[in-house]
Amino acid sequence: MHARKAATLAFAALAAGSLVLTGCSSGGSGGGSSASDELSGLTGEIGSKDFSEQYILAHITTELLNAHGADVTANTKLVGSANVRQALENDQFLGYWEYTGTAWITYNGNTEPVQGAEAQFDAVREADAENGIAWLDPAPFNNTYAFAIRQSEADALGVQSLSDVAELPSADQTFCIESEFSTRDDGWPGLKAAYGFDAPDSNVTMLDTGVIYTATEKGDDCNFGEVFQTDGRIPALNLVVMEDDLEFFPSYQGGFTLKQSTLDEYPAIADVMDLVSPLLTTEEMQRLNALVDVEGEDPEDVAIEWLEEQELI
């Protein structure tokens, strides 16, 4: 989730995780030396959900914190957003990367998203402050729903936004979506109404999530495929995402979350994380995700190499 993976919870049994204790072994390679030691004494585990983007983010965070004097490890073994959130609440995780849409709707019990990424983040930060959970300044990337089309066909049809798609003849308005998306209020029914798509039901093909990307690239079943915006297969398959110009989809902006008590004890965590968060754009997350999901590289290796490229470790 994917942002959607984040929102669609898998309530699997909580896997065993180490408590936040002193004496945890260092998970960072970071060249064997710390850039500084302002986080000396900070120990514990950095958690993740169970997909590539989260693994990469967990390892980026672990390596970076350790380069600043911490002694933390990455735990990428839990399944399901609910279990990861619970691990943070129970102090089994020092922190992890979360998505604003998930926290707002799933954890804080709201039914309607806040329009606009900045407004949604501010609302989530305020709501979670009541739960004792702090959100550090977010990264620019937004792992929300989107619709993509192969670049050549986007050029041929002259479309850049979902409003452009709505102006196409109904014969060109063909879509591949997954079954869950077909019934969600923030999915196909709401999207179709918001943009005024006049595609008949026969123009909509239901496919499994992974198949949608290749089907969209081939163009036989559909012109437009439902995707996750930071998925690495988008650039790998030369797909282009249509702008959600009416801001229909909820924002699933990524931000590092941790207990407020931990941040109070180690306020430098915010400064350290500010070194990486602004660099993690949607395009950059697509590139990093592709290295894992398309090229088959190890998420930890991808994280370390990226930090080295940015001269952060």
Protein backbone atom coordinates (compact mmCIF):
# COMPACT_ATOMS: atom_id res chain seq x y z
CA MET A 1 0.00 0.00 0.00
CA HIS A 2 0.83 0.87 -1.02
CA ALA A 3 -1.35 3.66 0.47
CA ARG A 4 -4.21 1.44 -0.30
CA LYS A 5 -2.33 -1.44 1.26
CA ALA A 6 -2.01 0.79 4.27
CA ALA A 7 -5.74 1.50 4.33
CA THR A 8 -6.82 -2.08 3.71
CA LEU A 9 -5.80 -3.67 6.97
CA ALA A 10 -4.63 -7.24 7.34
CA PHE A 11 -5.44 -8.12 10.94
CA ALA A 12 -2.82 -10.84 11.14
CA ALA A 13 -1.44 -12.01 14.47
CA LEU A 14 1.16 -9.69 15.91
CA ALA A 15 4.60 -11.14 15.26
CA ALA A 16 7.08 -11.21 18.07
CA GLY A 17 9.14 -8.03 18.25
CA SER A 18 11.86 -6.88 20.60
CA LEU A 19 10.89 -4.33 23.25
CA VAL A 20 12.52 -0.94 23.21
CA LEU A 21 15.50 -1.84 25.37
CA THR A 22 19.01 -0.60 25.77
CA GLY A 23 21.71 -2.83 24.43
CA CYS A 24 20.08 -3.61 21.04
CA SER A 25 22.69 -4.39 18.43
CA SER A 26 23.28 -1.80 15.78
CA GLY A 27 21.49 -2.36 12.49
CA GLY A 28 23.45 0.26 10.61
CA SER A 29 26.39 -0.21 8.37
CA GLY A 30 26.92 3.50 7.66
CA GLY A 31 30.59 2.97 6.95
CA GLY A 32 31.26 2.01 10.61
CA SER A 33 31.43 5.58 11.96
CA SER A 34 28.84 8.07 13.14
CA ALA A 35 28.37 11.42 11.47
CA SER A 36 27.63 12.79 14.95
CA ASP A 37 26.45 11.54 18.31
CA GLU A 38 23.47 13.73 19.21
CA LEU A 39 21.27 10.60 19.39
CA SER A 40 23.60 8.65 21.65
CA GLY A 41 21.53 6.50 24.02
CA LEU A 42 18.58 6.12 21.63
CA THR A 43 17.81 2.42 21.20
CA GLY A 44 14.95 0.28 19.93
CA GLU A 45 13.38 -0.90 16.70
CA ILE A 46 12.19 0.95 13.61
CA GLY A 47 9.11 -0.81 12.29
CA SER A 48 7.52 -1.19 8.89
CA LYS A 49 4.46 -2.55 7.17
CA ASP A 50 4.82 -5.50 4.84
CA PHE A 51 5.68 -4.07 1.43
CA SER A 52 8.77 -2.76 -0.32
CA GLU A 53 8.29 0.97 0.19
CA GLN A 54 7.99 0.45 3.94
CA TYR A 55 11.03 -1.82 4.08
CA ILE A 56 13.10 0.82 2.28
CA LEU A 57 11.90 3.60 4.58
CA ALA A 58 12.58 1.53 7.71
CA HIS A 59 16.15 0.84 6.63
CA ILE A 60 16.75 4.45 5.57
CA THR A 61 15.61 5.58 9.01
CA THR A 62 17.64 2.97 10.88
CA GLU A 63 20.85 3.73 9.03
CA LEU A 64 20.42 7.47 9.37
CA LEU A 65 19.65 7.44 13.10
CA ASN A 66 22.62 5.15 13.72
CA ALA A 67 24.87 7.54 11.79
CA HIS A 68 23.92 10.13 14.40
CA GLY A 69 24.75 8.05 17.44
CA ALA A 70 21.65 5.88 17.92
CA ASP A 71 21.74 2.09 18.26
CA VAL A 72 18.55 0.93 16.55
CA THR A 73 17.55 -1.98 14.32
CA ALA A 74 14.92 -2.42 11.61
CA ASN A 75 12.02 -4.81 12.19
CA THR A 76 10.22 -5.56 8.92
CA LYS A 77 8.44 -8.72 10.08
CA LEU A 78 4.98 -7.49 11.07
CA VAL A 79 1.96 -7.87 8.80
CA GLY A 80 -0.87 -5.35 8.63
CA SER A 81 -1.18 -1.67 9.48
CA ALA A 82 -3.09 -2.33 12.70
CA ASN A 83 -0.29 -4.50 14.10
CA VAL A 84 2.39 -1.95 13.26
CA ARG A 85 0.43 0.87 14.85
CA GLN A 86 -0.18 -1.27 17.93
CA ALA A 87 3.53 -2.04 18.16
CA LEU A 88 4.22 1.70 18.31
CA GLU A 89 1.51 2.28 20.90
CA ASN A 90 2.87 -0.59 23.03
CA ASP A 91 6.46 0.72 22.83
CA GLN A 92 7.61 -2.32 20.87
CA PHE A 93 8.60 0.04 18.05
CA LEU A 94 10.50 3.26 18.51
CA GLY A 95 8.76 4.59 15.38
CA TYR A 96 7.74 3.87 11.81
CA TRP A 97 6.55 5.59 8.64
CA GLU A 98 2.78 6.05 8.37
CA TYR A 99 0.40 7.51 5.79
CA THR A 100 -1.89 10.42 6.59
CA GLY A 101 -5.00 8.92 5.01
CA THR A 102 -4.61 5.70 6.97
CA ALA A 103 -4.10 7.44 10.30
CA TRP A 104 -6.97 9.85 9.73
CA ILE A 105 -9.58 7.31 8.64
CA THR A 106 -8.48 4.04 10.20
CA TYR A 107 -6.87 4.97 13.52
CA ASN A 108 -8.74 8.18 14.31
CA GLY A 109 -12.14 7.00 13.09
CA ASN A 110 -12.97 9.69 10.55
CA THR A 111 -15.10 8.83 7.53
CA GLU A 112 -14.23 11.72 5.23
CA PRO A 113 -10.69 12.75 4.22
CA VAL A 114 -9.53 16.35 4.51
CA GLN A 115 -8.97 17.85 1.08
CA GLY A 116 -5.43 18.97 0.34
CA ALA A 117 -2.23 17.25 1.48
CA GLU A 118 -1.13 19.99 3.88
CA ALA A 119 -4.54 20.34 5.51
CA GLN A 120 -4.82 16.55 5.85
CA PHE A 121 -1.41 16.34 7.48
CA ASP A 122 -2.20 19.13 9.94
CA ALA A 123 -5.47 17.41 10.89
CA VAL A 124 -3.75 14.06 11.44
CA ARG A 125 -0.91 15.58 13.47
CA GLU A 126 -3.42 17.31 15.74
CA ALA A 127 -5.61 14.23 16.12
CA ASP A 128 -2.72 11.90 16.91
CA ALA A 129 -1.28 14.35 19.43
CA GLU A 130 -4.29 13.40 21.55
CA ASN A 131 -3.08 9.79 21.31
CA GLY A 132 0.43 10.67 22.44
CA ILE A 133 1.85 10.09 18.96
CA ALA A 134 3.97 12.70 17.19
CA TRP A 135 4.26 13.18 13.44
CA LEU A 136 7.52 14.62 12.20
CA ASP A 137 7.42 16.90 9.16
CA PRO A 138 6.24 14.78 6.22
CA ALA A 139 7.98 13.77 3.03
CA PRO A 140 6.52 15.12 -0.24
CA PHE A 141 5.60 11.67 -1.58
CA ASN A 142 1.93 10.70 -1.72
CA ASN A 143 1.16 6.98 -2.04
CA THR A 144 -2.48 7.43 -2.93
CA TYR A 145 -4.75 5.94 -5.58
CA ALA A 146 -4.14 7.13 -9.11
CA PHE A 147 -4.91 6.24 -12.71
CA ALA A 148 -2.11 5.68 -15.18
CA ILE A 149 -1.90 5.15 -18.93
CA ARG A 150 1.00 4.17 -21.21
CA GLN A 151 2.91 7.25 -22.28
CA SER A 152 2.35 6.72 -26.01
CA GLU A 153 -1.42 6.56 -25.61
CA ALA A 154 -1.47 9.57 -23.28
CA ASP A 155 0.26 11.53 -26.02
CA ALA A 156 -2.11 10.20 -28.68
CA LEU A 157 -5.23 11.06 -26.66
CA GLY A 158 -3.84 14.34 -25.35
CA VAL A 159 -4.64 13.63 -21.71
CA GLN A 160 -2.80 14.81 -18.60
CA SER A 161 -5.54 14.90 -15.95
CA LEU A 162 -8.64 12.98 -14.94
CA SER A 163 -10.73 15.91 -16.15
CA ASP A 164 -9.12 15.38 -19.57
CA VAL A 165 -10.12 11.72 -19.39
CA ALA A 166 -13.73 12.70 -18.69
CA GLU A 167 -13.75 14.69 -21.92
CA LEU A 168 -12.78 11.69 -24.04
CA PRO A 169 -15.34 9.77 -26.11
CA SER A 170 -16.80 6.95 -24.03
CA ALA A 171 -15.10 4.40 -26.31
CA ASP A 172 -11.70 5.66 -25.07
CA GLN A 173 -12.76 5.69 -21.42
CA THR A 174 -11.71 2.12 -20.62
CA PHE A 175 -10.50 1.25 -17.13
CA CYS A 176 -8.84 -1.60 -15.24
CA ILE A 177 -9.59 -1.61 -11.51
CA GLU A 178 -9.46 -4.07 -8.62
CA SER A 179 -12.59 -5.47 -7.00
CA GLU A 180 -12.27 -3.56 -3.70
CA PHE A 181 -11.78 -0.26 -5.51
CA SER A 182 -14.99 -0.90 -7.46
CA THR A 183 -17.14 -0.52 -4.33
CA ARG A 184 -15.26 1.99 -2.13
CA ASP A 185 -16.68 5.48 -1.63
CA ASP A 186 -13.18 6.81 -2.29
CA GLY A 187 -12.93 4.44 -5.25
CA TRP A 188 -14.74 3.94 -8.54
CA PRO A 189 -18.32 5.02 -7.61
CA GLY A 190 -17.19 8.32 -6.11
CA LEU A 191 -14.56 8.96 -8.77
CA LYS A 192 -17.01 8.35 -11.60
CA ALA A 193 -19.50 10.78 -10.09
CA ALA A 194 -16.90 13.43 -9.23
CA TYR A 195 -15.44 13.59 -12.73
CA GLY A 196 -18.54 12.70 -14.70
CA PHE A 197 -17.10 9.67 -16.49
CA ASP A 198 -19.71 8.28 -18.87
CA ALA A 199 -18.00 4.95 -19.46
CA PRO A 200 -20.49 2.05 -19.48
CA ASP A 201 -19.93 -0.91 -17.15
CA SER A 202 -18.66 -2.90 -20.12
CA ASN A 203 -15.68 -0.50 -20.29
CA VAL A 204 -14.53 -1.47 -16.79
CA THR A 205 -12.41 -4.59 -16.34
CA MET A 206 -11.80 -6.06 -12.86
CA LEU A 207 -8.27 -7.42 -12.35
CA ASP A 208 -5.92 -8.31 -9.50
CA THR A 209 -3.74 -5.42 -8.36
CA GLY A 210 -0.46 -6.65 -9.79
CA VAL A 211 -1.99 -7.55 -13.14
CA ILE A 212 -3.36 -4.05 -13.65
CA TYR A 213 0.09 -2.60 -14.29
CA THR A 214 0.97 -5.00 -17.11
CA ALA A 215 -2.56 -4.82 -18.55
CA THR A 216 -2.32 -1.03 -18.66
CA GLU A 217 1.08 -1.23 -20.33
CA LYS A 218 -0.27 -3.58 -23.00
CA GLY A 219 -3.44 -1.54 -23.55
CA ASP A 220 -5.63 -4.48 -24.61
CA ASP A 221 -8.04 -4.51 -21.67
CA CYS A 222 -7.97 -0.82 -20.83
CA ASN A 223 -6.39 2.55 -21.45
CA PHE A 224 -6.41 3.61 -17.79
CA GLY A 225 -5.33 1.44 -14.87
CA GLU A 226 -5.82 1.99 -11.15
CA VAL A 227 -2.39 2.18 -9.52
CA PHE A 228 -0.57 3.26 -6.38
CA GLN A 229 1.15 6.54 -7.10
CA THR A 230 4.59 5.62 -5.72
CA ASP A 231 4.72 2.15 -7.29
CA GLY A 232 8.01 1.51 -9.06
CA ARG A 233 6.29 -0.24 -11.94
CA ILE A 234 4.88 3.08 -13.15
CA PRO A 235 8.21 4.39 -14.53
CA ALA A 236 9.48 0.88 -15.28
CA LEU A 237 6.56 0.23 -17.65
CA ASN A 238 6.64 3.78 -19.07
CA LEU A 239 3.24 4.68 -17.64
CA VAL A 240 2.16 8.22 -16.86
CA VAL A 241 -0.14 9.14 -13.97
CA MET A 242 -3.16 11.33 -14.64
CA GLU A 243 -3.35 14.39 -12.40
CA ASP A 244 -6.20 14.20 -9.88
CA ASP A 245 -7.03 17.85 -10.58
CA LEU A 246 -10.24 17.83 -8.49
CA GLU A 247 -8.31 16.33 -5.53
CA PHE A 248 -10.82 13.51 -5.23
CA PHE A 249 -8.51 10.88 -3.78
CA PRO A 250 -7.47 11.09 -0.12
CA SER A 251 -3.89 12.11 0.57
CA TYR A 252 -1.61 9.30 1.70
CA GLN A 253 1.44 11.43 2.43
CA GLY A 254 4.22 9.69 4.31
CA GLY A 255 5.56 10.85 7.65
CA PHE A 256 7.66 9.33 10.41
CA THR A 257 5.66 8.70 13.60
CA LEU A 258 6.86 8.06 17.13
CA LYS A 259 5.73 8.53 20.71
CA GLN A 260 5.70 12.15 21.85
CA SER A 261 7.53 11.05 25.00
CA THR A 262 10.38 9.69 22.85
CA LEU A 263 10.56 12.93 20.88
CA ASP A 264 10.59 14.93 24.13
CA GLU A 265 13.57 12.89 25.35
CA TYR A 266 15.40 13.00 21.99
CA PRO A 267 14.25 16.17 20.17
CA ALA A 268 17.19 15.84 17.77
CA ILE A 269 15.33 12.99 16.04
CA ALA A 270 13.27 15.63 14.24
CA ASP A 271 16.36 17.45 12.98
CA VAL A 272 17.97 14.22 11.78
CA MET A 273 14.85 13.03 9.96
CA ASP A 274 14.56 16.45 8.32
CA LEU A 275 17.73 15.55 6.43
CA VAL A 276 15.91 12.86 4.43
CA SER A 277 12.19 13.65 4.43
CA PRO A 278 12.31 16.56 1.92
CA LEU A 279 14.24 14.36 -0.53
CA LEU A 280 11.59 11.62 -0.67
CA THR A 281 9.36 12.84 -3.47
CA THR A 282 6.81 10.67 -5.24
CA GLU A 283 9.20 10.30 -8.18
CA GLU A 284 12.10 9.33 -5.91
CA MET A 285 10.00 6.73 -4.09
CA GLN A 286 8.94 5.31 -7.46
CA ARG A 287 12.60 4.98 -8.39
CA LEU A 288 13.60 3.31 -5.12
CA ASN A 289 10.58 0.99 -5.15
CA ALA A 290 11.43 -0.05 -8.71
CA LEU A 291 14.90 -1.12 -7.62
CA VAL A 292 13.25 -3.63 -5.28
CA ASP A 293 10.05 -4.62 -7.10
CA VAL A 294 11.37 -4.54 -10.66
CA GLU A 295 15.14 -5.04 -10.37
CA GLY A 296 14.98 -7.43 -7.43
CA GLU A 297 17.44 -5.59 -5.20
CA ASP A 298 17.41 -5.95 -1.42
CA PRO A 299 15.58 -3.10 0.39
CA GLU A 300 18.37 -2.66 2.93
CA ASP A 301 20.97 -2.38 0.17
CA VAL A 302 18.79 0.14 -1.67
CA ALA A 303 18.45 2.22 1.49
CA ILE A 304 22.17 2.25 2.25
CA GLU A 305 23.16 3.06 -1.32
CA TRP A 306 20.65 5.91 -1.45
CA LEU A 307 21.90 7.42 1.80
CA GLU A 308 25.46 7.18 0.52
CA GLU A 309 24.44 8.87 -2.74
CA GLN A 310 22.94 11.70 -0.70
CA GLU A 311 26.13 11.84 1.41
CA LEU A 312 24.09 11.32 4.58
CA ILE A 313 26.07 8.36 5.89
